[in-house]
């Protein structure tokens, strides 16, 4: 019997992830691989990668709600590969009911800056408009 891939990775606590997440400026690289290549890749990552472990659980459920302008500015910037673009979403971690409003801004040279604020889970599908008179 083979060991599940996540079981082979060293754990990282939620406190450590949150501490490191405070450094919200990063460069993202995404790669597409075949399913057949995954075991080989995991073998190479195992000495370096860690997996979030909360009370013995290593898989977690979350829900994201994305927002855009009436003219779909966020969508069009991404679809047409604009250098400077943005994404606004709520992310709710369903197992803990924690919710965040997140704004990601992509700039020059693939640099991504993410800003997060705590958000009420019951409000996760909406972003309030401007207050009247302001």
C-alpha atoms as a PDB file:
ATOM      1  CA  UNK A   1       0.000   0.000   0.000  1.00  0.00           C
ATOM      2  CA  UNK A   2       1.354   3.438  -0.905  1.00  0.00           C
ATOM      3  CA  UNK A   3       1.446   6.422   1.420  1.00  0.00           C
ATOM      4  CA  UNK A   4      -0.904   9.267   0.371  1.00  0.00           C
ATOM      5  CA  UNK A   5       1.114  12.227  -0.980  1.00  0.00           C
ATOM      6  CA  UNK A   6       0.010  14.688   1.729  1.00  0.00           C
ATOM      7  CA  UNK A   7       0.949  12.239   4.483  1.00  0.00           C
ATOM      8  CA  UNK A   8       4.587  12.291   3.351  1.00  0.00           C
ATOM      9  CA  UNK A   9       4.923  16.051   3.746  1.00  0.00           C
ATOM     10  CA  UNK A  10       6.031  17.675   6.992  1.00  0.00           C
ATOM     11  CA  UNK A  11       3.291  19.638   8.762  1.00  0.00           C
ATOM     12  CA  UNK A  12       3.020  23.420   9.090  1.00  0.00           C
ATOM     13  CA  UNK A  13       0.684  24.963  11.667  1.00  0.00           C
ATOM     14  CA  UNK A  14      -1.989  27.544  10.922  1.00  0.00           C
ATOM     15  CA  UNK A  15      -0.128  30.066  13.105  1.00  0.00           C
ATOM     16  CA  UNK A  16       2.993  29.616  10.940  1.00  0.00           C
ATOM     17  CA  UNK A  17       0.995  30.025   7.736  1.00  0.00           C
ATOM     18  CA  UNK A  18      -0.660  33.209   9.025  1.00  0.00           C
ATOM     19  CA  UNK A  19       2.698  34.579  10.146  1.00  0.00           C
ATOM     20  CA  UNK A  20       4.235  33.942   6.729  1.00  0.00           C
ATOM     21  CA  UNK A  21       1.111  35.193   4.944  1.00  0.00           C
ATOM     22  CA  UNK A  22       1.765  38.599   6.484  1.00  0.00           C
ATOM     23  CA  UNK A  23       4.408  38.888   3.760  1.00  0.00           C
ATOM     24  CA  UNK A  24       1.728  39.393   1.126  1.00  0.00           C
ATOM     25  CA  UNK A  25       3.914  40.505  -1.774  1.00  0.00           C
ATOM     26  CA  UNK A  26       4.998  37.582  -3.899  1.00  0.00           C
ATOM     27  CA  UNK A  27       5.686  36.323  -7.409  1.00  0.00           C
ATOM     28  CA  UNK A  28       3.405  33.535  -8.656  1.00  0.00           C
ATOM     29  CA  UNK A  29       4.459  30.861 -11.100  1.00  0.00           C
ATOM     30  CA  UNK A  30       1.996  28.264 -12.314  1.00  0.00           C
ATOM     31  CA  UNK A  31       2.853  25.128 -14.239  1.00  0.00           C
ATOM     32  CA  UNK A  32       0.711  22.459 -15.862  1.00  0.00           C
ATOM     33  CA  UNK A  33       1.851  18.864 -15.521  1.00  0.00           C
ATOM     34  CA  UNK A  34       0.280  15.513 -16.306  1.00  0.00           C
ATOM     35  CA  UNK A  35      -1.087  13.256 -13.597  1.00  0.00           C
ATOM     36  CA  UNK A  36       1.676  10.769 -14.415  1.00  0.00           C
ATOM     37  CA  UNK A  37       4.321  13.404 -13.597  1.00  0.00           C
ATOM     38  CA  UNK A  38       2.828  14.201 -10.170  1.00  0.00           C
ATOM     39  CA  UNK A  39       4.459  11.387  -8.115  1.00  0.00           C
ATOM     40  CA  UNK A  40       7.915  12.312  -9.456  1.00  0.00           C
ATOM     41  CA  UNK A  41       7.321  16.005  -8.702  1.00  0.00           C
ATOM     42  CA  UNK A  42       6.106  15.222  -5.170  1.00  0.00           C
ATOM     43  CA  UNK A  43       9.189  13.086  -4.545  1.00  0.00           C
ATOM     44  CA  UNK A  44      11.351  16.114  -5.373  1.00  0.00           C
ATOM     45  CA  UNK A  45       9.231  18.536  -3.316  1.00  0.00           C
ATOM     46  CA  UNK A  46       8.924  16.385  -0.189  1.00  0.00           C
ATOM     47  CA  UNK A  47      12.178  17.624   1.417  1.00  0.00           C
ATOM     48  CA  UNK A  48      11.085  21.271   0.994  1.00  0.00           C
ATOM     49  CA  UNK A  49       7.291  21.444   0.953  1.00  0.00           C
ATOM     50  CA  UNK A  50       5.045  21.401   4.009  1.00  0.00           C
ATOM     51  CA  UNK A  51       1.322  20.837   4.344  1.00  0.00           C
ATOM     52  CA  UNK A  52      -1.109  22.676   6.594  1.00  0.00           C
ATOM     53  CA  UNK A  53      -2.114  20.454   9.507  1.00  0.00           C
ATOM     54  CA  UNK A  54      -4.866  21.523  11.917  1.00  0.00           C
ATOM     55  CA  UNK A  55      -5.631  18.985  14.632  1.00  0.00           C
ATOM     56  CA  UNK A  56      -4.631  16.105  12.342  1.00  0.00           C
ATOM     57  CA  UNK A  57      -6.642  17.319   9.330  1.00  0.00           C
ATOM     58  CA  UNK A  58      -4.853  18.100   6.072  1.00  0.00           C
ATOM     59  CA  UNK A  59      -7.753  18.844   3.746  1.00  0.00           C
ATOM     60  CA  UNK A  60     -10.055  21.827   4.192  1.00  0.00           C
ATOM     61  CA  UNK A  61     -13.124  23.245   2.522  1.00  0.00           C
ATOM     62  CA  UNK A  62     -13.425  26.859   1.410  1.00  0.00           C
ATOM     63  CA  UNK A  63     -15.718  29.013  -0.700  1.00  0.00           C
ATOM     64  CA  UNK A  64     -14.685  31.986  -2.800  1.00  0.00           C
ATOM     65  CA  UNK A  65     -17.015  34.693  -4.111  1.00  0.00           C
ATOM     66  CA  UNK A  66     -15.487  36.950  -6.764  1.00  0.00           C
ATOM     67  CA  UNK A  67     -16.618  40.520  -7.404  1.00  0.00           C
ATOM     68  CA  UNK A  68     -16.249  42.760 -10.439  1.00  0.00           C
ATOM     69  CA  UNK A  69     -17.328  46.152 -11.701  1.00  0.00           C
ATOM     70  CA  UNK A  70     -20.526  46.540 -13.772  1.00  0.00           C
ATOM     71  CA  UNK A  71     -18.351  46.712 -16.934  1.00  0.00           C
ATOM     72  CA  UNK A  72     -16.355  43.602 -15.868  1.00  0.00           C
ATOM     73  CA  UNK A  73     -13.049  45.458 -15.543  1.00  0.00           C
ATOM     74  CA  UNK A  74     -11.388  42.701 -13.501  1.00  0.00           C
ATOM     75  CA  UNK A  75     -12.410  40.021 -15.990  1.00  0.00           C
ATOM     76  CA  UNK A  76     -11.281  42.002 -19.042  1.00  0.00           C
ATOM     77  CA  UNK A  77      -7.897  42.860 -17.515  1.00  0.00           C
ATOM     78  CA  UNK A  78      -7.241  39.168 -16.873  1.00  0.00           C
ATOM     79  CA  UNK A  79      -8.710  37.947 -20.180  1.00  0.00           C
ATOM     80  CA  UNK A  80      -6.575  40.351 -22.202  1.00  0.00           C
ATOM     81  CA  UNK A  81      -3.460  39.786 -20.068  1.00  0.00           C
ATOM     82  CA  UNK A  82      -3.194  43.361 -18.853  1.00  0.00           C
ATOM     83  CA  UNK A  83      -0.033  43.923 -16.883  1.00  0.00           C
ATOM     84  CA  UNK A  84      -1.839  45.725 -14.076  1.00  0.00           C
ATOM     85  CA  UNK A  85      -4.985  43.968 -12.926  1.00  0.00           C
ATOM     86  CA  UNK A  86      -6.963  43.288  -9.770  1.00  0.00           C
ATOM     87  CA  UNK A  87      -9.171  40.676  -8.159  1.00  0.00           C
ATOM     88  CA  UNK A  88     -11.640  41.197  -5.310  1.00  0.00           C
ATOM     89  CA  UNK A  89     -13.130  38.231  -3.490  1.00  0.00           C
ATOM     90  CA  UNK A  90     -14.320  36.892  -0.199  1.00  0.00           C
ATOM     91  CA  UNK A  91     -12.795  33.631   0.940  1.00  0.00           C
ATOM     92  CA  UNK A  92     -14.670  31.686   3.608  1.00  0.00           C
ATOM     93  CA  UNK A  93     -13.027  28.722   5.285  1.00  0.00           C
ATOM     94  CA  UNK A  94     -16.070  26.535   5.809  1.00  0.00           C
ATOM     95  CA  UNK A  95     -14.610  24.312   8.527  1.00  0.00           C
ATOM     96  CA  UNK A  96     -13.786  27.266  10.789  1.00  0.00           C
ATOM     97  CA  UNK A  97     -16.316  29.844   9.463  1.00  0.00           C
ATOM     98  CA  UNK A  98     -13.490  32.389   9.148  1.00  0.00           C
ATOM     99  CA  UNK A  99     -14.042  34.826   6.311  1.00  0.00           C
ATOM    100  CA  UNK A 100     -11.776  37.392   4.646  1.00  0.00           C
ATOM    101  CA  UNK A 101     -12.233  40.128   2.081  1.00  0.00           C
ATOM    102  CA  UNK A 102      -9.201  39.926  -0.214  1.00  0.00           C
ATOM    103  CA  UNK A 103      -7.944  42.324  -2.866  1.00  0.00           C
ATOM    104  CA  UNK A 104      -5.134  41.108  -5.109  1.00  0.00           C
ATOM    105  CA  UNK A 105      -3.292  43.577  -7.297  1.00  0.00           C
ATOM    106  CA  UNK A 106      -0.963  42.367 -10.045  1.00  0.00           C
ATOM    107  CA  UNK A 107       1.695  44.737 -11.217  1.00  0.00           C
ATOM    108  CA  UNK A 108       4.941  44.815 -13.118  1.00  0.00           C
ATOM    109  CA  UNK A 109       7.080  41.690 -13.539  1.00  0.00           C
ATOM    110  CA  UNK A 110       4.419  39.334 -12.187  1.00  0.00           C
ATOM    111  CA  UNK A 111       4.464  40.872  -8.720  1.00  0.00           C
ATOM    112  CA  UNK A 112       1.243  40.239  -6.744  1.00  0.00           C
ATOM    113  CA  UNK A 113       0.204  42.165  -3.642  1.00  0.00           C
ATOM    114  CA  UNK A 114      -2.658  40.822  -1.541  1.00  0.00           C
ATOM    115  CA  UNK A 115      -4.557  42.813   1.068  1.00  0.00           C
ATOM    116  CA  UNK A 116      -6.848  40.956   3.515  1.00  0.00           C
ATOM    117  CA  UNK A 117      -9.422  42.144   6.006  1.00  0.00           C
ATOM    118  CA  UNK A 118     -11.565  40.012   8.331  1.00  0.00           C
ATOM    119  CA  UNK A 119     -15.112  39.811   6.986  1.00  0.00           C
ATOM    120  CA  UNK A 120     -18.446  38.585   8.315  1.00  0.00           C
ATOM    121  CA  UNK A 121     -19.167  35.136   6.884  1.00  0.00           C
ATOM    122  CA  UNK A 122     -22.869  35.949   6.520  1.00  0.00           C
ATOM    123  CA  UNK A 123     -21.914  38.904   4.266  1.00  0.00           C
ATOM    124  CA  UNK A 124     -19.556  36.890   2.043  1.00  0.00           C
ATOM    125  CA  UNK A 125     -21.716  37.171  -1.099  1.00  0.00           C
ATOM    126  CA  UNK A 126     -21.825  40.963  -1.113  1.00  0.00           C
ATOM    127  CA  UNK A 127     -19.668  44.047  -0.800  1.00  0.00           C
ATOM    128  CA  UNK A 128     -21.573  47.040   0.581  1.00  0.00           C
ATOM    129  CA  UNK A 129     -21.829  50.047  -1.711  1.00  0.00           C
ATOM    130  CA  UNK A 130     -20.877  53.596  -0.698  1.00  0.00           C
ATOM    131  CA  UNK A 131     -22.690  55.142   2.244  1.00  0.00           C
ATOM    132  CA  UNK A 132     -25.271  57.747   1.170  1.00  0.00           C
ATOM    133  CA  UNK A 133     -23.966  61.292   1.476  1.00  0.00           C
ATOM    134  CA  UNK A 134     -20.284  60.373   1.375  1.00  0.00           C
END
